């Protein structure tokens, strides 16, 4: 769900928020060296359950990852540089489960929360006072009452329609509740900027299990998007992707949660086992990437741009809000010129008209460059995923727009290897079965009204 979605917000509130956004101005995405992905300077370092692996161990893991992957040199061209840029390690020994749509994701989350023994750390852009929000609240209060410490971060703008009364029983039960960058000027913190939002979706249980992806806490996700049932007048189906992880990489996500808590000056966290002794849970290699507007550039943006510049066979991007900056646009077109199969899976319908038309304003340029564009039918596409060369995958909260790259806190997991890549490709192809291919010939026959809306929305691309 994007920052533009203000459910049940008064006109006065909306106008005030828009005015504040304009007054805060807009930062720029820094220009990256075009050939940066071709110049790694250090060997790739991997971490395991007990710290950094030896050079020989790292080499063996990478060799296994590259097995049957002769068509791409992405490991050699991209990974070392990514380590330097992002700083977070590639971590081996993880178990990763792909979660498709709300029902599957919520079932996995509720099961993890129910089994919590020590603590629950939750960070979300939106938590709504509806059936799903109430179910989470009830379960979190129950676990807090049983001695499990619950710490909750929610975004002030993302959850603007959620009444403060919703959070009262949470706080009274002993749950630590932290509002990210409150829009109420009476409770703002030093360094407050209304345009900086926490768009992350993160759940960590006992420091052992972590959930990351695009799904907020809201009943809009209550139905799947691949079933036979169609959306009703009052219930639009949503298509989203999430991830459940167990293993040493959970500690990296825990560090990101605690950093946000401290940066927002939350009350001191209770003394709990936030970093338990990790153990190997599987064979997946994962990197945790957290982006913050406090940093000079978006780490996820640079990581994705580096991967795209390294691609040799395919780039499959699924995204809810596609408003690319010039560098990303150029990288996609240049990839096609190298012979890479570039495909974008975008929504046919959206919860933000301005973003929808701004996104479509790029279609002609991309289609002319032979980028393939598909629009998901019969569901509101909200997923934010990428698959490159069949071996580099990412799932998270990051949209391909200026807001995500400049103003938002975002969080993603990057997975390496063909096994998980095969799952991602199968999901992408399944989505294509429910999607429409946009052709340049058909696109240029669209109405004058649509063209005007696109041009108008394009003017606001940096502020959306």
Protein backbone atom coordinates (compact mmCIF):
# COMPACT_ATOMS: atom_id res chain seq x y z
CA UNK A 1 0.00 0.00 0.00
CA UNK A 2 1.47 3.34 -1.00
CA UNK A 3 1.78 6.53 0.94
CA UNK A 4 -0.84 8.17 -1.26
CA UNK A 5 -3.63 5.96 0.07
CA UNK A 6 -5.47 8.00 2.72
CA UNK A 7 -8.55 6.04 3.75
CA UNK A 8 -11.18 8.01 5.69
CA UNK A 9 -9.00 11.13 5.80
CA UNK A 10 -10.67 14.52 5.82
CA UNK A 11 -10.02 17.07 3.06
CA UNK A 12 -8.33 19.37 5.56
CA UNK A 13 -5.94 16.64 6.68
CA UNK A 14 -5.07 15.72 3.10
CA UNK A 15 -4.44 19.31 2.01
CA UNK A 16 -2.27 19.92 5.09
CA UNK A 17 -0.23 16.81 4.41
CA UNK A 18 0.28 17.74 0.76
CA UNK A 19 1.33 21.28 1.67
CA UNK A 20 3.85 20.00 4.18
CA UNK A 21 5.21 17.57 1.61
CA UNK A 22 5.75 20.33 -0.94
CA UNK A 23 7.31 22.64 1.65
CA UNK A 24 9.86 19.99 2.63
CA UNK A 25 11.12 19.90 -0.96
CA UNK A 26 12.59 16.89 -2.72
CA UNK A 27 16.03 15.38 -2.65
CA UNK A 28 17.74 13.95 -5.69
CA UNK A 29 18.93 10.44 -6.37
CA UNK A 30 22.74 10.62 -6.64
CA UNK A 31 24.29 9.71 -9.98
CA UNK A 32 26.03 6.35 -9.86
CA UNK A 33 29.02 5.40 -12.02
CA UNK A 34 27.54 3.51 -15.01
CA UNK A 35 30.20 0.78 -15.03
CA UNK A 36 30.37 0.41 -11.26
CA UNK A 37 29.19 -3.21 -11.42
CA UNK A 38 32.19 -4.16 -13.52
CA UNK A 39 34.85 -3.13 -11.01
CA UNK A 40 34.79 -5.26 -7.84
CA UNK A 41 37.92 -4.66 -5.76
CA UNK A 42 37.68 -7.30 -3.01
CA UNK A 43 36.73 -11.00 -2.84
CA UNK A 44 33.18 -11.75 -1.76
CA UNK A 45 32.93 -12.34 2.00
CA UNK A 46 30.24 -14.63 3.39
CA UNK A 47 29.08 -14.95 6.99
CA UNK A 48 27.73 -18.03 8.71
CA UNK A 49 26.09 -18.84 12.03
CA UNK A 50 29.34 -18.22 13.88
CA UNK A 51 30.73 -15.23 12.00
CA UNK A 52 32.73 -14.68 8.79
CA UNK A 53 33.67 -17.74 6.75
CA UNK A 54 37.22 -18.29 5.63
CA UNK A 55 38.18 -17.31 2.09
CA UNK A 56 38.22 -20.99 1.14
CA UNK A 57 34.77 -21.59 2.64
CA UNK A 58 33.35 -18.53 0.89
CA UNK A 59 34.82 -19.67 -2.41
CA UNK A 60 33.23 -23.10 -2.01
CA UNK A 61 29.78 -21.63 -1.31
CA UNK A 62 29.99 -19.33 -4.32
CA UNK A 63 31.11 -22.20 -6.53
CA UNK A 64 28.05 -24.15 -5.44
CA UNK A 65 25.81 -21.15 -6.17
CA UNK A 66 27.27 -20.86 -9.67
CA UNK A 67 26.74 -24.53 -10.44
CA UNK A 68 24.65 -24.90 -13.58
CA UNK A 69 24.74 -21.12 -13.93
CA UNK A 70 27.28 -20.79 -16.73
CA UNK A 71 25.09 -18.30 -18.61
CA UNK A 72 25.73 -15.50 -16.13
CA UNK A 73 28.72 -13.90 -14.46
CA UNK A 74 26.60 -11.94 -12.01
CA UNK A 75 28.42 -13.44 -9.04
CA UNK A 76 31.81 -12.24 -10.26
CA UNK A 77 30.67 -8.87 -11.58
CA UNK A 78 28.25 -7.76 -8.91
CA UNK A 79 28.57 -9.35 -5.49
CA UNK A 80 31.88 -7.94 -4.34
CA UNK A 81 30.85 -4.41 -5.19
CA UNK A 82 27.47 -4.90 -3.51
CA UNK A 83 29.23 -5.86 -0.27
CA UNK A 84 31.23 -2.63 -0.36
CA UNK A 85 28.19 -0.45 -1.05
CA UNK A 86 25.69 -2.01 1.33
CA UNK A 87 27.92 -3.06 4.19
CA UNK A 88 25.67 -5.90 5.36
CA UNK A 89 27.08 -9.41 4.85
CA UNK A 90 25.91 -12.22 2.65
CA UNK A 91 24.79 -14.82 5.21
CA UNK A 92 24.69 -18.57 4.59
CA UNK A 93 22.70 -21.24 6.42
CA UNK A 94 19.20 -19.83 6.11
CA UNK A 95 15.80 -21.35 5.37
CA UNK A 96 13.61 -19.15 3.18
CA UNK A 97 9.91 -19.64 2.45
CA UNK A 98 8.12 -17.76 -0.32
CA UNK A 99 4.71 -16.48 0.83
CA UNK A 100 2.12 -15.49 -1.78
CA UNK A 101 -0.75 -13.13 -0.85
CA UNK A 102 -2.27 -12.14 2.47
CA UNK A 103 -3.92 -15.35 3.75
CA UNK A 104 -0.75 -17.45 3.47
CA UNK A 105 1.40 -14.68 4.95
CA UNK A 106 -0.89 -13.96 7.88
CA UNK A 107 -1.22 -17.67 8.72
CA UNK A 108 2.57 -17.95 8.89
CA UNK A 109 2.84 -14.77 10.97
CA UNK A 110 0.15 -15.83 13.44
CA UNK A 111 1.82 -19.21 13.87
CA UNK A 112 5.17 -17.58 14.59
CA UNK A 113 3.64 -15.12 17.06
CA UNK A 114 1.77 -17.91 18.83
CA UNK A 115 5.05 -19.80 19.33
CA UNK A 116 6.97 -16.75 20.63
CA UNK A 117 8.79 -17.34 23.91
CA UNK A 118 10.92 -14.22 24.45
CA UNK A 119 10.06 -11.20 22.28
CA UNK A 120 8.24 -9.94 19.17
CA UNK A 121 9.51 -6.95 17.18
CA UNK A 122 7.11 -5.60 14.59
CA UNK A 123 7.52 -2.68 12.17
CA UNK A 124 4.82 -1.73 9.67
CA UNK A 125 3.80 1.15 7.46
CA UNK A 126 0.08 0.49 7.91
CA UNK A 127 -1.81 -1.20 10.71
CA UNK A 128 -5.56 -0.75 10.35
CA UNK A 129 -8.37 -0.97 12.85
CA UNK A 130 -10.19 -3.73 10.96
CA UNK A 131 -10.63 -7.49 11.27
CA UNK A 132 -6.98 -8.30 10.54
CA UNK A 133 -5.63 -5.42 12.63
CA UNK A 134 -7.80 -6.45 15.57
CA UNK A 135 -6.67 -10.05 15.24
CA UNK A 136 -3.02 -9.01 15.38
CA UNK A 137 -3.73 -6.70 18.32
CA UNK A 138 -5.49 -9.45 20.26
CA UNK A 139 -2.69 -11.94 19.71
CA UNK A 140 0.06 -9.44 20.54
CA UNK A 141 -1.70 -8.43 23.76
CA UNK A 142 -2.07 -12.10 24.68
CA UNK A 143 1.64 -12.76 24.17
CA UNK A 144 2.60 -9.63 26.13
CA UNK A 145 0.41 -10.83 29.01
CA UNK A 146 2.20 -14.18 28.95
CA UNK A 147 5.61 -12.53 29.48
CA UNK A 148 6.72 -12.10 25.85
CA UNK A 149 7.91 -8.53 25.27
CA UNK A 150 6.26 -6.92 22.22
CA UNK A 151 7.77 -3.86 20.53
CA UNK A 152 5.75 -2.20 17.75
CA UNK A 153 6.73 0.56 15.30
CA UNK A 154 4.08 1.99 13.00
CA UNK A 155 4.24 4.88 10.55
CA UNK A 156 2.24 7.99 11.44
CA UNK A 157 1.16 8.82 7.87
CA UNK A 158 0.71 5.23 6.73
CA UNK A 159 -1.61 4.57 9.67
CA UNK A 160 -3.24 8.01 9.66
CA UNK A 161 -6.72 6.51 9.40
CA UNK A 162 -6.20 4.25 12.42
CA UNK A 163 -7.77 5.85 15.52
CA UNK A 164 -5.51 6.38 18.53
CA UNK A 165 -7.98 4.31 20.55
CA UNK A 166 -6.76 1.25 18.64
CA UNK A 167 -3.33 1.55 20.26
CA UNK A 168 -4.57 2.24 23.80
CA UNK A 169 -5.13 -1.42 24.87
CA UNK A 170 -1.79 -2.35 23.30
CA UNK A 171 0.02 0.21 25.44
CA UNK A 172 -1.98 -0.66 28.56
CA UNK A 173 -0.94 -4.31 28.23
CA UNK A 174 2.73 -3.31 28.38
CA UNK A 175 3.51 -3.37 24.66
CA UNK A 176 6.05 -0.73 23.64
CA UNK A 177 4.36 1.25 20.85
CA UNK A 178 6.42 3.73 18.84
CA UNK A 179 4.92 6.11 16.24
CA UNK A 180 7.41 6.86 13.46
CA UNK A 181 7.75 10.60 12.73
CA UNK A 182 4.42 11.67 14.28
CA UNK A 183 2.53 14.14 12.11
CA UNK A 184 1.08 15.77 15.23
CA UNK A 185 3.37 18.81 15.75
CA UNK A 186 2.78 18.65 19.51
CA UNK A 187 4.62 15.31 19.81
CA UNK A 188 7.24 15.67 17.12
CA UNK A 189 10.87 14.78 17.84
CA UNK A 190 14.05 16.67 17.07
CA UNK A 191 15.01 16.29 13.42
CA UNK A 192 11.42 15.51 12.43
CA UNK A 193 10.61 15.62 8.70
CA UNK A 194 7.08 14.86 7.58
CA UNK A 195 8.23 13.63 4.17
CA UNK A 196 10.37 10.87 5.69
CA UNK A 197 8.24 7.78 6.27
CA UNK A 198 8.80 4.24 7.52
CA UNK A 199 7.54 2.06 4.67
CA UNK A 200 9.06 -1.16 6.05
CA UNK A 201 7.12 -4.35 6.76
CA UNK A 202 9.13 -6.40 9.25
CA UNK A 203 8.24 -8.98 11.89
CA UNK A 204 10.87 -10.72 14.05
CA UNK A 205 10.04 -13.41 16.58
CA UNK A 206 12.53 -14.45 19.28
CA UNK A 207 15.42 -13.38 17.05
CA UNK A 208 14.92 -16.68 15.22
CA UNK A 209 12.34 -15.96 12.51
CA UNK A 210 11.90 -12.86 10.33
CA UNK A 211 9.21 -11.82 7.86
CA UNK A 212 9.83 -9.22 5.13
CA UNK A 213 7.83 -8.19 2.07
CA UNK A 214 5.11 -5.92 0.77
CA UNK A 215 2.17 -6.86 3.01
CA UNK A 216 0.83 -4.38 5.56
CA UNK A 217 -1.56 -5.19 8.41
CA UNK A 218 -4.92 -4.71 6.72
CA UNK A 219 -8.00 -6.68 5.72
CA UNK A 220 -7.52 -5.69 2.07
CA UNK A 221 -5.20 -8.70 1.90
CA UNK A 222 -7.80 -11.12 3.23
CA UNK A 223 -8.30 -12.95 -0.08
CA UNK A 224 -5.83 -14.59 -2.44
CA UNK A 225 -5.36 -13.45 -6.03
CA UNK A 226 -5.14 -16.75 -7.91
CA UNK A 227 -8.44 -18.32 -6.83
CA UNK A 228 -11.61 -18.71 -8.83
CA UNK A 229 -13.47 -16.04 -6.88
CA UNK A 230 -13.53 -12.59 -8.43
CA UNK A 231 -13.33 -9.26 -6.67
CA UNK A 232 -16.65 -7.87 -5.57
CA UNK A 233 -17.78 -4.26 -5.60
CA UNK A 234 -16.58 -3.78 -2.04
CA UNK A 235 -13.68 -6.21 -1.97
CA UNK A 236 -10.79 -5.82 -4.42
CA UNK A 237 -8.39 -8.77 -4.50
CA UNK A 238 -4.78 -7.87 -3.71
CA UNK A 239 -1.71 -9.63 -5.12
CA UNK A 240 1.39 -9.39 -2.92
CA UNK A 241 4.53 -11.30 -1.98
CA UNK A 242 6.19 -11.83 1.39
CA UNK A 243 9.02 -13.92 2.84
CA UNK A 244 9.62 -16.02 5.96
CA UNK A 245 13.26 -16.53 6.97
CA UNK A 246 14.96 -18.56 9.68
CA UNK A 247 18.69 -18.69 10.31
CA UNK A 248 21.67 -16.41 10.97
CA UNK A 249 20.43 -13.60 8.68
CA UNK A 250 17.63 -12.85 11.15
CA UNK A 251 20.21 -11.07 13.32
CA UNK A 252 20.85 -8.61 10.47
CA UNK A 253 17.15 -7.73 10.31
CA UNK A 254 17.09 -7.42 14.09
CA UNK A 255 19.88 -4.84 13.91
CA UNK A 256 17.81 -2.80 11.46
CA UNK A 257 14.76 -2.84 13.74
CA UNK A 258 16.76 -1.77 16.79
CA UNK A 259 18.50 0.99 14.80
CA UNK A 260 15.13 2.46 13.84
CA UNK A 261 13.88 2.18 17.41
CA UNK A 262 16.91 4.07 18.71
CA UNK A 263 16.87 6.65 15.91
CA UNK A 264 13.23 7.43 16.74
CA UNK A 265 14.14 7.73 20.44
CA UNK A 266 11.86 4.95 21.61
CA UNK A 267 11.84 3.97 25.29
CA UNK A 268 14.72 1.67 26.24
CA UNK A 269 14.00 -1.85 25.04
CA UNK A 270 13.48 -4.49 27.70
CA UNK A 271 16.43 -6.78 28.35
CA UNK A 272 15.57 -9.73 26.12
CA UNK A 273 17.46 -12.26 23.99
CA UNK A 274 17.38 -10.20 20.80
CA UNK A 275 20.47 -11.95 19.43
CA UNK A 276 20.26 -15.62 20.40
CA UNK A 277 22.97 -18.05 19.34
CA UNK A 278 22.18 -18.66 15.67
CA UNK A 279 22.24 -22.03 14.00
CA UNK A 280 22.14 -23.26 10.42
CA UNK A 281 18.53 -23.67 9.31
CA UNK A 282 18.94 -24.27 5.58
CA UNK A 283 21.04 -23.69 2.48
CA UNK A 284 19.95 -20.24 1.35
CA UNK A 285 22.36 -17.30 1.05
CA UNK A 286 20.61 -14.08 2.08
CA UNK A 287 21.50 -10.42 2.54
CA UNK A 288 19.43 -8.00 4.62
CA UNK A 289 19.26 -4.51 3.12
CA UNK A 290 17.73 -1.58 4.95
CA UNK A 291 17.47 1.81 3.25
CA UNK A 292 16.97 5.05 5.15
CA UNK A 293 16.52 8.70 4.09
CA UNK A 294 19.16 9.54 6.70
CA UNK A 295 21.80 7.95 4.45
CA UNK A 296 23.44 9.66 1.44
CA UNK A 297 21.76 7.21 -0.96
CA UNK A 298 19.32 4.32 -0.95
CA UNK A 299 21.27 1.12 -0.46
CA UNK A 300 18.52 -0.90 -2.11
CA UNK A 301 18.50 1.42 -5.13
CA UNK A 302 22.25 1.07 -5.64
CA UNK A 303 22.09 -2.69 -5.11
CA UNK A 304 19.31 -3.12 -7.67
CA UNK A 305 21.00 -0.81 -10.17
CA UNK A 306 24.23 -2.77 -9.81
CA UNK A 307 22.39 -6.07 -10.38
CA UNK A 308 20.61 -4.69 -13.45
CA UNK A 309 23.89 -3.42 -14.90
CA UNK A 310 25.38 -6.89 -14.33
CA UNK A 311 22.52 -8.83 -15.92
CA UNK A 312 23.28 -10.98 -18.94
CA UNK A 313 20.15 -13.06 -19.57
CA UNK A 314 16.99 -11.76 -17.89
CA UNK A 315 15.53 -9.04 -15.68
CA UNK A 316 12.04 -9.72 -14.31
CA UNK A 317 10.69 -6.86 -12.18
CA UNK A 318 7.34 -6.94 -10.40
CA UNK A 319 6.35 -3.68 -8.79
CA UNK A 320 3.28 -1.81 -7.59
CA UNK A 321 4.55 1.75 -8.10
CA UNK A 322 6.89 2.19 -11.06
CA UNK A 323 8.06 5.79 -11.46
CA UNK A 324 11.73 5.37 -12.47
CA UNK A 325 14.44 7.99 -12.28
CA UNK A 326 16.65 8.56 -15.38
CA UNK A 327 19.37 6.13 -14.22
CA UNK A 328 17.00 3.22 -13.69
CA UNK A 329 15.26 3.97 -16.97
CA UNK A 330 18.58 4.04 -18.83
CA UNK A 331 19.80 0.84 -17.13
CA UNK A 332 16.72 -1.09 -18.29
CA UNK A 333 17.03 0.14 -21.88
CA UNK A 334 20.76 -0.56 -21.98
CA UNK A 335 20.14 -4.09 -20.69
CA UNK A 336 17.86 -4.77 -23.67
CA UNK A 337 20.61 -3.53 -25.98
CA UNK A 338 22.94 -6.13 -24.42
CA UNK A 339 20.44 -8.83 -25.33
CA UNK A 340 18.86 -9.17 -21.89
CA UNK A 341 15.18 -10.18 -21.71
CA UNK A 342 13.69 -7.30 -19.67
CA UNK A 343 10.11 -7.72 -18.44
CA UNK A 344 8.08 -5.44 -16.18
CA UNK A 345 4.99 -6.73 -14.38
CA UNK A 346 2.90 -3.74 -13.31
CA UNK A 347 -0.66 -3.21 -12.04
CA UNK A 348 -3.68 -2.70 -14.26
CA UNK A 349 -5.49 -1.07 -11.33
CA UNK A 350 -4.03 0.74 -8.34
CA UNK A 351 -4.87 2.57 -5.13
CA UNK A 352 -3.07 5.71 -6.34
CA UNK A 353 -4.29 7.34 -9.56
CA UNK A 354 -1.39 9.81 -9.73
CA UNK A 355 1.25 7.09 -9.50
CA UNK A 356 -0.71 4.94 -11.94
CA UNK A 357 -0.69 7.59 -14.66
CA UNK A 358 2.86 8.73 -13.91
CA UNK A 359 3.98 5.13 -14.36
CA UNK A 360 2.16 4.82 -17.67
CA UNK A 361 3.86 7.98 -18.94
CA UNK A 362 7.03 5.88 -19.33
CA UNK A 363 5.41 3.08 -21.33
CA UNK A 364 6.03 4.49 -24.81
CA UNK A 365 9.72 5.05 -24.15
CA UNK A 366 10.18 1.58 -22.65
CA UNK A 367 8.14 -0.26 -25.28
CA UNK A 368 10.06 1.54 -28.02
CA UNK A 369 13.26 0.19 -26.44
CA UNK A 370 11.78 -3.37 -26.55
CA UNK A 371 11.19 -3.63 -22.82
CA UNK A 372 8.23 -5.98 -22.34
CA UNK A 373 5.44 -4.66 -20.13
CA UNK A 374 2.66 -6.77 -18.63
CA UNK A 375 -0.26 -5.60 -16.51
CA UNK A 376 -1.70 -7.92 -13.85
CA UNK A 377 -5.44 -8.47 -14.32
CA UNK A 378 -8.20 -9.27 -11.81
CA UNK A 379 -6.20 -8.13 -8.74
CA UNK A 380 -4.47 -5.06 -7.38
CA UNK A 381 -0.75 -5.79 -7.75
CA UNK A 382 1.17 -4.62 -4.68
CA UNK A 383 4.26 -6.89 -4.78
CA UNK A 384 7.83 -5.54 -4.95
CA UNK A 385 10.13 -8.27 -6.26
CA UNK A 386 12.94 -8.79 -8.76
CA UNK A 387 14.63 -11.77 -10.39
CA UNK A 388 17.83 -11.31 -12.37
CA UNK A 389 19.60 -14.00 -14.40
CA UNK A 390 17.62 -16.64 -12.50
CA UNK A 391 20.01 -16.47 -9.53
CA UNK A 392 19.60 -13.02 -7.91
CA UNK A 393 16.24 -12.39 -6.23
CA UNK A 394 14.85 -9.73 -3.94
CA UNK A 395 11.59 -9.33 -2.02
CA UNK A 396 10.77 -6.39 0.19
CA UNK A 397 8.98 -3.08 0.66
CA UNK A 398 10.89 -1.01 -1.91
CA UNK A 399 8.90 0.43 -4.80
CA UNK A 400 10.60 1.56 -8.00
CA UNK A 401 9.81 5.22 -7.47
CA UNK A 402 11.40 8.39 -6.15
CA UNK A 403 9.65 8.19 -2.78
CA UNK A 404 11.11 4.78 -1.97
CA UNK A 405 14.58 5.75 -3.16
CA UNK A 406 14.75 9.18 -1.47
CA UNK A 407 12.24 9.64 1.34
CA UNK A 408 11.30 6.25 2.76
CA UNK A 409 12.78 3.75 5.13
CA UNK A 410 12.62 0.46 3.22
CA UNK A 411 13.70 -3.10 3.85
CA UNK A 412 14.50 -5.97 1.47
CA UNK A 413 15.99 -9.42 1.48
CA UNK A 414 18.29 -10.46 -1.37
CA UNK A 415 18.56 -14.20 -2.07
CA UNK A 416 21.29 -15.81 -4.18
CA UNK A 417 21.08 -19.13 -5.95
CA UNK A 418 19.12 -21.00 -8.59
CA UNK A 419 16.89 -22.98 -6.22
CA UNK A 420 15.09 -19.94 -4.86
CA UNK A 421 15.40 -18.24 -8.24
CA UNK A 422 13.42 -21.10 -9.78
CA UNK A 423 10.61 -20.49 -7.29
CA UNK A 424 10.61 -16.80 -8.14
CA UNK A 425 10.53 -17.53 -11.86
CA UNK A 426 7.61 -19.95 -11.44
CA UNK A 427 5.69 -17.28 -9.51
CA UNK A 428 6.49 -14.63 -12.13
CA UNK A 429 5.28 -16.91 -14.93
CA UNK A 430 2.12 -17.70 -12.98
CA UNK A 431 1.45 -13.98 -12.69
CA UNK A 432 1.97 -13.59 -16.43
CA UNK A 433 -0.82 -16.10 -17.02
CA UNK A 434 -3.15 -13.61 -15.33
CA UNK A 435 -1.64 -10.59 -17.10
CA UNK A 436 -1.98 -8.71 -20.37
CA UNK A 437 0.98 -7.94 -22.61
CA UNK A 438 1.04 -4.27 -23.62
CA UNK A 439 2.16 -3.72 -27.22
CA UNK A 440 3.48 -0.46 -28.61
CA UNK A 441 0.94 -0.45 -31.45
CA UNK A 442 -2.01 -0.85 -29.09
CA UNK A 443 -0.55 1.58 -26.56
CA UNK A 444 -0.33 4.40 -29.09
CA UNK A 445 -4.07 4.07 -29.70
CA UNK A 446 -4.97 5.12 -26.15
CA UNK A 447 -7.26 8.10 -25.63
CA UNK A 448 -6.32 11.78 -25.51
CA UNK A 449 -7.74 11.95 -21.98
CA UNK A 450 -5.35 9.19 -20.84
CA UNK A 451 -2.39 11.00 -22.43
CA UNK A 452 -3.28 14.25 -20.65
CA UNK A 453 -3.51 12.44 -17.31
CA UNK A 454 -0.12 10.82 -17.92
CA UNK A 455 1.57 14.11 -18.79
CA UNK A 456 0.07 15.82 -15.75
CA UNK A 457 1.07 13.03 -13.37
CA UNK A 458 4.58 12.94 -14.85
CA UNK A 459 5.12 16.52 -13.68
CA UNK A 460 4.72 15.28 -10.08
CA UNK A 461 6.93 12.18 -10.47
CA UNK A 462 9.48 13.24 -7.85
CA UNK A 463 6.85 14.05 -5.24
CA UNK A 464 4.61 10.99 -5.56
